[in-house]
Amino acid sequence: MKTYFTQHRFIFYLWVDLLLLNCSYLVSSRLNWSNSDAFDYQNFLNIFLISNLLWVVCVNLFQIYVPSSKSQNSQGRFWRLLMTSTVHLVCLEVFIYVSGSSINANENWVFTGYQVFIIASFIIHFAVAATLWLLRRSRLMVRRYVIVGDESLNDLIKSSNERQYAFDYSYCGSFKFESVGAQLERFENFIETEKPDYIYCALSETNNNEIKAVIKLAERKNTHVRLVPDYPRLLSEKLDIETADDFPIINVQTKILTNPDDQFIKRAFDVLFSIVVMIMGLPIFLLVMIAVKLSSKGDVFFLQERTGRWGKKFKIIKFRTMYSDAHKYGLQHSLGALDPRITTVGRFLRRTRLDELPQFLNVLKGEMSVVGPRPLHKYDVDMLMDEASHSFQKILTIRPGITSIGQIKVGYASNMSENLLRLKYDMLYLNTYSLTTDIYLIFLTIQVILLGKGR
């Protein structure tokens, strides 16, 4: 059965991190206190309150305390902790800047507190993870389970438990009913002998009477029952189980971002992030506009029709990187560094992705997202419909983005093979969407911008 720690994991980590967070900022504020002025306790308490509220919001958004197959290893858990802490720091700094709050301490006190918190939190999380690992290795927290029904699912269930939970689960054996009445007593003896914490009941070859018998027996033996459908045929799809009145419904997620919460979070993040970039990046916008205007004749901005969500057409906005008479070359795809249509300034803008900055206006208009598959021109759409119709139609179910996995890995496609490769990478996004993924891809894009590795 679930241990006390497993059941209260979220509360435990939340209170520990809140304690560390408050202690870290308290120590930092006192160390950086300016003795020339009185310490402003009122602003200090306001900042602390906002800091705690922001942390609760951030941990719920990133779900760093919720175990999943992607975060079972320590590296994944610590990476999410670092990302959550960084987002929390940025939000707190923005609040302090906008509100004008001051505690008469060195302006770096928040960042110092962040560093102290990261180190302390990593140590505590590592210590807890190491302790749990030792307990699991010693088999003190092991949970025993048996499998009833379809023997073909035995290996799948066992391998899943071994892969995700390592030392947490111990397989005790399997049982298959030939007839309920004749074998119920034998099954009860089997359960009495093995004393499992869980009974996995495969539904494909187990009838209602057998399932009822298993549940009634489990109630008497203080054992949990887990019903397992014949899911191998559905492994390629995302499944979600909900309850309608007295019966369960298995939803197969054939549409991306159908969850209202996910839609709201993604859209809210897109709008807030775009506003921050537009405000903080205003000096860069002005410099690029001047550079584009002085580099060659023509408009500063380049507008082109692209295909968006559900095939809807819209005008994408970019800084112009080509000569105004580029159409005379009759080329469709960019030829990269060798393309004669690209201006000198345009080459720099493409390498650093700065030509994409005006697309944040498209994001605010609701035509694009910050992260998502790249929007394509009509001739690219026609080619991809011929080469990979089903995959491309799935891509069109979400808003196109300024950056994407394909854009980072491949860049601007110059031929069909690169278009297909970029499409393949962008398809990964459909199955791995999360706010954490979006922020991670934004970090990778910033790296491309700073290193000038775009193509």
Protein backbone atom coordinates (compact mmCIF):
# COMPACT_ATOMS: atom_id res chain seq x y z
CA MET A 1 0.00 0.00 0.00
CA LYS A 2 1.01 3.59 -0.37
CA THR A 3 3.35 4.82 2.32
CA TYR A 4 2.58 7.88 4.44
CA PHE A 5 5.30 9.82 2.63
CA THR A 6 3.90 8.94 -0.82
CA GLN A 7 0.43 10.13 0.19
CA HIS A 8 1.73 13.41 1.64
CA ARG A 9 4.62 14.04 -0.76
CA PHE A 10 3.22 17.34 -2.06
CA ILE A 11 2.58 18.83 1.40
CA PHE A 12 5.98 17.69 2.70
CA TYR A 13 8.03 19.19 -0.15
CA LEU A 14 5.90 22.35 -0.28
CA TRP A 15 6.38 23.17 3.41
CA VAL A 16 10.08 22.28 3.33
CA ASP A 17 10.71 24.51 0.30
CA LEU A 18 8.62 27.37 1.72
CA LEU A 19 10.65 27.18 4.93
CA LEU A 20 13.92 27.18 2.98
CA LEU A 21 12.69 29.98 0.71
CA ASN A 22 11.74 32.26 3.60
CA CYS A 23 14.92 31.54 5.55
CA SER A 24 17.06 32.16 2.44
CA TYR A 25 15.50 35.55 1.68
CA LEU A 26 15.54 36.51 5.36
CA VAL A 27 19.26 35.76 5.66
CA SER A 28 19.99 37.50 2.34
CA SER A 29 18.04 40.65 3.25
CA ARG A 30 19.86 41.00 6.56
CA LEU A 31 23.28 40.37 5.02
CA ASN A 32 22.62 43.01 2.35
CA TRP A 33 20.99 45.51 4.69
CA SER A 34 22.10 49.10 4.22
CA ASN A 35 22.90 50.42 7.71
CA SER A 36 22.36 54.01 6.61
CA ASP A 37 18.58 53.56 6.51
CA ALA A 38 16.03 51.85 8.69
CA PHE A 39 15.01 48.38 7.58
CA ASP A 40 11.54 48.60 5.94
CA TYR A 41 9.70 45.72 7.60
CA GLN A 42 6.36 46.54 5.94
CA ASN A 43 7.71 46.18 2.40
CA PHE A 44 9.72 43.19 3.54
CA LEU A 45 6.53 41.42 4.72
CA ASN A 46 4.70 42.35 1.50
CA ILE A 47 7.51 40.91 -0.61
CA PHE A 48 7.58 37.77 1.54
CA LEU A 49 3.84 37.28 1.15
CA ILE A 50 4.02 37.67 -2.63
CA SER A 51 7.08 35.39 -2.73
CA ASN A 52 5.20 32.61 -0.93
CA LEU A 53 2.11 32.98 -3.11
CA LEU A 54 4.25 32.96 -6.26
CA TRP A 55 6.01 29.79 -5.12
CA VAL A 56 2.69 27.99 -4.55
CA VAL A 57 1.52 29.06 -8.03
CA CYS A 58 4.81 28.03 -9.67
CA VAL A 59 4.96 24.57 -8.09
CA ASN A 60 1.38 23.92 -9.17
CA LEU A 61 2.11 25.03 -12.74
CA PHE A 62 5.30 22.98 -13.05
CA GLN A 63 4.07 20.14 -10.79
CA ILE A 64 7.57 19.54 -9.44
CA TYR A 65 6.29 17.51 -6.49
CA VAL A 66 4.07 15.21 -8.58
CA PRO A 67 5.82 11.98 -9.62
CA SER A 68 5.65 11.01 -13.30
CA SER A 69 7.49 8.75 -15.68
CA LYS A 70 9.40 11.79 -16.96
CA SER A 71 10.51 12.98 -13.56
CA GLN A 72 11.32 9.82 -11.63
CA ASN A 73 15.08 10.26 -12.01
CA SER A 74 16.94 12.80 -9.90
CA GLN A 75 18.19 14.75 -12.92
CA GLY A 76 14.66 15.43 -14.16
CA ARG A 77 13.44 16.38 -10.68
CA PHE A 78 16.32 18.79 -10.03
CA TRP A 79 15.99 20.33 -13.49
CA ARG A 80 12.32 21.11 -12.84
CA LEU A 81 13.22 22.53 -9.41
CA LEU A 82 15.81 24.84 -11.00
CA MET A 83 13.39 25.95 -13.71
CA THR A 84 10.61 26.62 -11.21
CA SER A 85 12.96 28.59 -8.96
CA THR A 86 14.16 30.69 -11.90
CA VAL A 87 10.62 31.54 -13.01
CA HIS A 88 9.78 32.40 -9.38
CA LEU A 89 12.81 34.71 -9.20
CA VAL A 90 11.88 36.52 -12.42
CA CYS A 91 8.26 37.00 -11.31
CA LEU A 92 9.38 38.30 -7.90
CA GLU A 93 11.87 40.74 -9.46
CA VAL A 94 9.14 42.01 -11.81
CA PHE A 95 6.79 42.55 -8.84
CA ILE A 96 9.44 44.47 -6.89
CA TYR A 97 10.27 46.60 -9.94
CA VAL A 98 6.64 47.37 -10.84
CA SER A 99 5.50 48.02 -7.26
CA GLY A 100 8.61 50.02 -6.36
CA SER A 101 8.98 48.05 -3.12
CA SER A 102 12.23 48.63 -1.26
CA ILE A 103 13.53 47.36 2.08
CA ASN A 104 16.62 49.61 2.10
CA ALA A 105 18.88 46.69 1.31
CA ASN A 106 21.35 46.02 -1.47
CA GLU A 107 19.47 45.62 -4.78
CA ASN A 108 20.99 42.15 -5.24
CA TRP A 109 19.44 40.74 -2.07
CA VAL A 110 16.72 38.87 -3.98
CA PHE A 111 19.21 37.18 -6.30
CA THR A 112 21.45 36.31 -3.35
CA GLY A 113 18.46 34.76 -1.59
CA TYR A 114 17.67 32.81 -4.75
CA GLN A 115 21.20 31.39 -4.82
CA VAL A 116 21.04 30.41 -1.15
CA PHE A 117 17.64 28.77 -1.70
CA ILE A 118 18.80 26.79 -4.74
CA ILE A 119 21.80 25.38 -2.88
CA ALA A 120 19.81 24.58 0.29
CA SER A 121 16.87 23.11 -1.62
CA PHE A 122 19.11 20.92 -3.78
CA ILE A 123 20.84 19.59 -0.66
CA ILE A 124 17.53 18.80 1.08
CA HIS A 125 15.94 17.26 -2.04
CA PHE A 126 19.05 15.18 -2.65
CA ALA A 127 19.10 14.03 0.98
CA VAL A 128 15.43 13.00 0.82
CA ALA A 129 15.92 11.25 -2.53
CA ALA A 130 19.00 9.42 -1.22
CA THR A 131 17.17 8.35 1.94
CA LEU A 132 14.21 7.03 -0.06
CA TRP A 133 16.59 5.22 -2.41
CA LEU A 134 18.31 3.51 0.52
CA LEU A 135 14.97 2.54 2.04
CA ARG A 136 13.83 1.08 -1.27
CA ARG A 137 17.07 -0.81 -1.74
CA SER A 138 16.64 -2.25 1.74
CA ARG A 139 13.11 -3.35 0.70
CA LEU A 140 11.58 -1.62 3.73
CA MET A 141 9.08 0.28 1.55
CA VAL A 142 8.34 -2.46 -0.97
CA ARG A 143 4.76 -2.95 -2.20
CA ARG A 144 3.77 -6.44 -3.27
CA TYR A 145 1.38 -7.11 -6.15
CA VAL A 146 -0.25 -9.99 -8.03
CA ILE A 147 -1.86 -10.10 -11.47
CA VAL A 148 -5.23 -11.69 -12.21
CA GLY A 149 -6.48 -12.49 -15.71
CA ASP A 150 -4.81 -12.12 -19.11
CA GLU A 151 -1.31 -13.57 -18.90
CA SER A 152 -0.23 -11.59 -21.98
CA LEU A 153 -0.35 -8.41 -19.87
CA ASN A 154 1.91 -9.81 -17.15
CA ASP A 155 5.16 -8.75 -18.80
CA LEU A 156 3.81 -5.29 -19.64
CA ILE A 157 2.66 -4.61 -16.07
CA LYS A 158 5.85 -6.01 -14.55
CA SER A 159 8.15 -4.08 -16.89
CA SER A 160 6.17 -0.88 -16.29
CA ASN A 161 6.48 -1.20 -12.50
CA GLU A 162 10.16 -2.11 -12.71
CA ARG A 163 10.90 0.80 -15.04
CA GLN A 164 8.98 3.50 -13.18
CA TYR A 165 9.20 2.42 -9.56
CA ALA A 166 12.41 0.37 -9.46
CA PHE A 167 12.59 -0.98 -5.91
CA ASP A 168 9.05 0.05 -4.86
CA TYR A 169 7.18 -2.97 -6.24
CA SER A 170 7.67 -6.71 -5.91
CA TYR A 171 5.89 -9.16 -8.21
CA CYS A 172 4.36 -12.08 -6.25
CA GLY A 173 2.76 -14.11 -9.04
CA SER A 174 -0.33 -14.38 -11.22
CA PHE A 175 -3.69 -16.13 -11.08
CA LYS A 176 -6.19 -17.02 -13.81
CA PHE A 177 -9.78 -18.06 -13.14
CA GLU A 178 -11.14 -21.11 -14.93
CA SER A 179 -14.47 -20.77 -13.13
CA VAL A 180 -15.33 -18.44 -10.28
CA GLY A 181 -17.08 -20.87 -7.95
CA ALA A 182 -14.52 -23.65 -8.14
CA GLN A 183 -11.42 -21.50 -7.84
CA LEU A 184 -12.48 -18.67 -5.55
CA GLU A 185 -11.30 -20.55 -2.47
CA ARG A 186 -7.96 -21.30 -4.13
CA PHE A 187 -7.61 -17.63 -5.08
CA GLU A 188 -8.37 -16.59 -1.49
CA ASN A 189 -5.65 -18.94 -0.25
CA PHE A 190 -3.30 -17.47 -2.86
CA ILE A 191 -4.00 -13.93 -1.58
CA GLU A 192 -3.70 -15.05 2.04
CA THR A 193 -0.30 -16.59 1.32
CA GLU A 194 1.18 -13.77 -0.78
CA LYS A 195 -0.44 -10.88 1.15
CA PRO A 196 -0.20 -8.42 -1.78
CA ASP A 197 -0.78 -4.68 -1.43
CA TYR A 198 -2.22 -4.52 -4.94
CA ILE A 199 -4.20 -6.85 -7.20
CA TYR A 200 -3.90 -5.96 -10.89
CA CYS A 201 -6.99 -7.29 -12.64
CA ALA A 202 -6.66 -7.56 -16.45
CA LEU A 203 -10.06 -6.76 -17.95
CA SER A 204 -9.64 -8.36 -21.37
CA GLU A 205 -10.21 -11.93 -20.13
CA THR A 206 -11.93 -11.28 -16.80
CA ASN A 207 -15.73 -11.29 -16.64
CA ASN A 208 -17.90 -9.22 -14.31
CA ASN A 209 -18.43 -12.01 -11.79
CA GLU A 210 -14.68 -12.55 -11.48
CA ILE A 211 -14.05 -8.84 -11.03
CA LYS A 212 -16.74 -8.59 -8.34
CA ALA A 213 -15.26 -11.61 -6.56
CA VAL A 214 -11.78 -10.05 -6.64
CA ILE A 215 -13.06 -6.71 -5.29
CA LYS A 216 -15.04 -8.35 -2.46
CA LEU A 217 -12.03 -10.43 -1.47
CA ALA A 218 -9.76 -7.37 -1.60
CA GLU A 219 -12.11 -5.50 0.73
CA ARG A 220 -11.81 -8.28 3.30
CA LYS A 221 -8.03 -8.56 2.91
CA ASN A 222 -7.31 -4.79 2.98
CA THR A 223 -5.85 -4.94 -0.52
CA HIS A 224 -6.13 -2.41 -3.35
CA VAL A 225 -7.51 -3.42 -6.75
CA ARG A 226 -6.26 -1.90 -10.00
CA LEU A 227 -8.27 -2.65 -13.14
CA VAL A 228 -6.11 -2.81 -16.28
CA PRO A 229 -7.83 -2.56 -19.70
CA ASP A 230 -6.42 -4.20 -22.79
CA TYR A 231 -4.43 -1.05 -23.50
CA PRO A 232 -1.58 -2.16 -25.85
CA ARG A 233 -3.68 -1.20 -28.89
CA LEU A 234 -4.06 2.30 -27.45
CA LEU A 235 -0.46 2.85 -26.35
CA SER A 236 0.17 5.41 -29.11
CA GLU A 237 -2.58 7.69 -27.80
CA LYS A 238 -2.93 9.71 -24.62
CA LEU A 239 -5.58 8.29 -22.31
CA ASP A 240 -7.58 10.04 -19.64
CA ILE A 241 -10.12 8.44 -17.31
CA GLU A 242 -13.11 10.32 -15.94
CA THR A 243 -16.21 9.28 -14.02
CA ALA A 244 -19.74 9.87 -15.31
CA ASP A 245 -22.34 9.02 -12.65
CA ASP A 246 -21.46 5.44 -11.67
CA PHE A 247 -19.29 4.33 -14.58
CA PRO A 248 -15.80 5.24 -15.82
CA ILE A 249 -15.07 6.64 -19.27
CA ILE A 250 -11.70 6.34 -21.00
CA ASN A 251 -11.00 9.40 -23.13
CA VAL A 252 -8.57 8.96 -26.02
CA GLN A 253 -6.92 12.35 -26.57
CA THR A 254 -7.22 12.76 -30.32
CA LYS A 255 -7.05 16.56 -30.05
CA ILE A 256 -4.13 18.50 -28.64
CA LEU A 257 -4.68 20.94 -25.76
CA THR A 258 -8.36 20.08 -25.26
CA ASN A 259 -8.04 20.53 -21.51
CA PRO A 260 -9.43 24.00 -20.63
CA ASP A 261 -6.79 24.45 -17.92
CA ASP A 262 -3.96 23.72 -20.39
CA GLN A 263 -5.50 26.09 -22.94
CA PHE A 264 -5.82 28.88 -20.38
CA ILE A 265 -2.30 28.40 -19.00
CA LYS A 266 -0.71 28.34 -22.46
CA ARG A 267 -2.63 31.38 -23.70
CA ALA A 268 -1.98 33.34 -20.48
CA PHE A 269 1.72 32.52 -20.68
CA ASP A 270 1.82 33.55 -24.37
CA VAL A 271 0.21 36.92 -23.68
CA LEU A 272 2.26 37.73 -20.56
CA PHE A 273 5.55 36.61 -22.11
CA SER A 274 4.86 38.58 -25.31
CA ILE A 275 4.04 41.76 -23.39
CA VAL A 276 7.24 41.44 -21.33
CA VAL A 277 9.35 40.86 -24.47
CA MET A 278 7.72 43.77 -26.32
CA ILE A 279 8.33 46.16 -23.41
CA MET A 280 11.83 45.04 -22.40
CA GLY A 281 12.92 44.52 -26.00
CA LEU A 282 11.75 47.93 -27.23
CA PRO A 283 15.31 49.33 -27.59
CA ILE A 284 16.30 46.28 -29.66
CA PHE A 285 13.17 46.69 -31.79
CA LEU A 286 14.09 50.30 -32.56
CA LEU A 287 17.73 49.47 -33.38
CA VAL A 288 16.72 46.64 -35.72
CA MET A 289 14.15 48.85 -37.44
CA ILE A 290 16.80 51.51 -38.08
CA ALA A 291 19.33 48.91 -39.28
CA VAL A 292 16.84 47.32 -41.70
CA LYS A 293 15.79 50.70 -43.07
CA LEU A 294 19.39 51.84 -43.64
CA SER A 295 20.61 48.52 -45.07
CA SER A 296 18.48 48.54 -48.22
CA LYS A 297 15.44 50.09 -49.85
CA GLY A 298 12.06 48.77 -48.86
CA ASP A 299 9.74 48.40 -45.89
CA VAL A 300 11.01 47.60 -42.42
CA PHE A 301 8.52 44.79 -41.94
CA PHE A 302 7.83 41.79 -44.15
CA LEU A 303 4.27 40.45 -44.27
CA GLN A 304 3.49 37.10 -45.82
CA GLU A 305 0.46 34.83 -45.83
CA ARG A 306 0.94 31.70 -43.72
CA THR A 307 -1.25 28.78 -42.69
CA GLY A 308 -2.31 28.76 -39.05
CA ARG A 309 -4.51 26.67 -36.81
CA TRP A 310 -7.17 24.63 -38.62
CA GLY A 311 -5.72 25.83 -41.93
CA LYS A 312 -6.77 29.45 -41.34
CA LYS A 313 -4.67 31.97 -43.27
CA PHE A 314 -3.04 34.96 -41.57
CA LYS A 315 -0.31 37.53 -42.24
CA ILE A 316 2.92 36.75 -40.41
CA ILE A 317 5.01 39.81 -39.39
CA LYS A 318 8.81 39.70 -39.56
CA PHE A 319 11.67 42.14 -39.97
CA ARG A 320 12.59 42.24 -43.65
CA THR A 321 15.80 40.27 -44.27
CA MET A 322 15.76 40.21 -48.09
CA TYR A 323 16.05 42.85 -50.78
CA SER A 324 12.72 44.30 -51.83
CA ASP A 325 13.15 42.90 -55.38
CA ALA A 326 13.95 39.37 -54.15
CA HIS A 327 11.00 37.95 -56.10
CA LYS A 328 12.89 38.37 -59.38
CA TYR A 329 15.13 35.44 -58.47
CA GLY A 330 12.11 33.15 -58.60
CA LEU A 331 13.25 31.14 -55.57
CA GLN A 332 10.87 29.76 -52.98
CA HIS A 333 12.96 28.35 -50.12
CA SER A 334 15.85 30.15 -48.51
CA LEU A 335 19.29 28.89 -49.56
CA GLY A 336 20.85 29.82 -46.24
CA ALA A 337 24.13 31.77 -46.24
CA LEU A 338 24.40 31.45 -50.04
CA ASP A 339 21.02 33.03 -50.76
CA PRO A 340 21.65 36.16 -52.89
CA ARG A 341 18.32 37.67 -51.82
CA ILE A 342 19.35 38.14 -48.17
CA THR A 343 20.83 41.47 -47.10
CA THR A 344 23.92 41.81 -44.90
CA VAL A 345 21.80 42.89 -41.94
CA GLY A 346 19.32 40.15 -42.82
CA ARG A 347 21.98 37.45 -42.43
CA PHE A 348 22.70 38.65 -38.90
CA LEU A 349 19.01 38.85 -38.04
CA ARG A 350 18.44 35.29 -39.27
CA ARG A 351 21.42 33.88 -37.38
CA THR A 352 20.21 35.49 -34.16
CA ARG A 353 16.48 34.94 -34.87
CA LEU A 354 15.89 38.66 -34.27
CA ASP A 355 13.88 38.81 -37.49
CA GLU A 356 11.17 36.84 -35.64
CA LEU A 357 10.60 39.48 -32.93
CA PRO A 358 7.59 41.20 -34.60
CA GLN A 359 5.75 37.87 -34.48
CA PHE A 360 4.96 38.61 -30.84
CA LEU A 361 2.32 40.91 -32.35
CA ASN A 362 0.86 37.83 -34.05
CA VAL A 363 0.86 36.12 -30.66
CA LEU A 364 -1.04 38.99 -29.03
CA LYS A 365 -3.56 38.88 -31.91
CA GLY A 366 -4.17 35.19 -31.17
CA GLU A 367 -2.82 33.98 -34.52
CA MET A 368 0.31 32.37 -33.10
CA SER A 369 1.79 31.00 -29.89
CA VAL A 370 5.27 31.57 -28.47
CA VAL A 371 6.08 27.87 -28.83
CA GLY A 372 4.54 25.65 -31.48
CA PRO A 373 5.11 24.23 -34.98
CA ARG A 374 6.34 26.82 -37.45
CA PRO A 375 3.66 28.43 -39.68
CA LEU A 376 4.17 27.51 -43.33
CA HIS A 377 3.70 29.15 -46.70
CA LYS A 378 1.11 27.72 -49.09
CA TYR A 379 3.66 25.93 -51.28
CA ASP A 380 5.12 24.20 -48.20
CA VAL A 381 1.63 23.20 -47.10
CA ASP A 382 0.87 21.68 -50.51
CA MET A 383 4.11 19.67 -50.53
CA LEU A 384 3.66 18.40 -46.98
CA MET A 385 0.06 17.41 -47.70
CA ASP A 386 1.41 15.19 -50.48
CA GLU A 387 4.32 13.76 -48.50
CA ALA A 388 2.92 13.49 -44.94
CA SER A 389 -0.77 14.32 -45.01
CA HIS A 390 -1.87 12.82 -41.66
CA SER A 391 1.07 14.17 -39.65
CA PHE A 392 0.71 17.64 -41.12
CA GLN A 393 -3.03 17.75 -40.46
CA LYS A 394 -2.31 16.99 -36.78
CA ILE A 395 0.16 19.89 -36.75
CA LEU A 396 -2.65 22.21 -37.88
CA THR A 397 -4.71 21.46 -34.75
CA ILE A 398 -2.67 23.89 -32.61
CA ARG A 399 -1.50 27.46 -33.07
CA PRO A 400 1.82 27.81 -34.92
CA GLY A 401 4.70 29.20 -32.88
CA ILE A 402 7.61 31.61 -33.06
CA THR A 403 9.96 28.84 -32.00
CA SER A 404 9.69 25.06 -31.98
CA ILE A 405 11.73 21.90 -31.65
CA GLY A 406 12.03 21.76 -35.43
CA GLN A 407 13.09 25.39 -35.68
CA ILE A 408 15.83 24.85 -33.10
CA LYS A 409 17.07 21.57 -34.60
CA VAL A 410 16.68 22.35 -38.32
CA GLY A 411 16.16 26.09 -38.68
CA TYR A 412 14.86 27.58 -41.91
CA ALA A 413 14.09 24.71 -44.30
CA SER A 414 15.69 25.04 -47.75
CA ASN A 415 14.24 21.86 -49.33
CA MET A 416 11.58 19.20 -48.89
CA SER A 417 13.78 16.82 -46.88
CA GLU A 418 14.51 19.56 -44.32
CA ASN A 419 10.81 20.44 -44.23
CA LEU A 420 9.93 16.82 -43.46
CA LEU A 421 12.67 16.62 -40.83
CA ARG A 422 11.41 19.79 -39.16
CA LEU A 423 7.87 18.40 -39.29
CA LYS A 424 9.08 15.20 -37.61
CA TYR A 425 10.61 17.20 -34.76
CA ASP A 426 7.52 19.40 -34.42
CA MET A 427 5.34 16.29 -34.16
CA LEU A 428 7.20 15.47 -30.93
CA TYR A 429 5.79 18.66 -29.42
CA LEU A 430 2.22 17.41 -29.83
CA ASN A 431 2.91 14.48 -27.50
CA THR A 432 5.11 16.28 -24.97
CA TYR A 433 3.35 19.61 -24.40
CA SER A 434 3.66 21.18 -20.97
CA LEU A 435 4.49 24.65 -19.70
CA THR A 436 7.84 23.23 -18.62
CA THR A 437 8.52 22.11 -22.21
CA ASP A 438 7.63 25.56 -23.55
CA ILE A 439 10.01 27.33 -21.16
CA TYR A 440 12.77 24.80 -21.89
CA LEU A 441 12.42 25.43 -25.65
CA ILE A 442 12.48 29.19 -25.03
CA PHE A 443 15.76 28.76 -23.11
CA LEU A 444 17.20 26.80 -26.05
CA THR A 445 16.06 29.53 -28.44
CA ILE A 446 17.72 32.20 -26.28
CA GLN A 447 20.91 30.13 -26.49
CA VAL A 448 20.64 30.14 -30.30
CA ILE A 449 20.13 33.92 -30.24
CA LEU A 450 23.12 34.60 -27.96
CA LEU A 451 25.44 32.26 -29.87
CA GLY A 452 24.16 33.28 -33.31
CA LYS A 453 23.75 29.64 -34.37
CA GLY A 454 20.48 30.08 -36.26
CA ARG A 455 20.24 29.20 -39.93
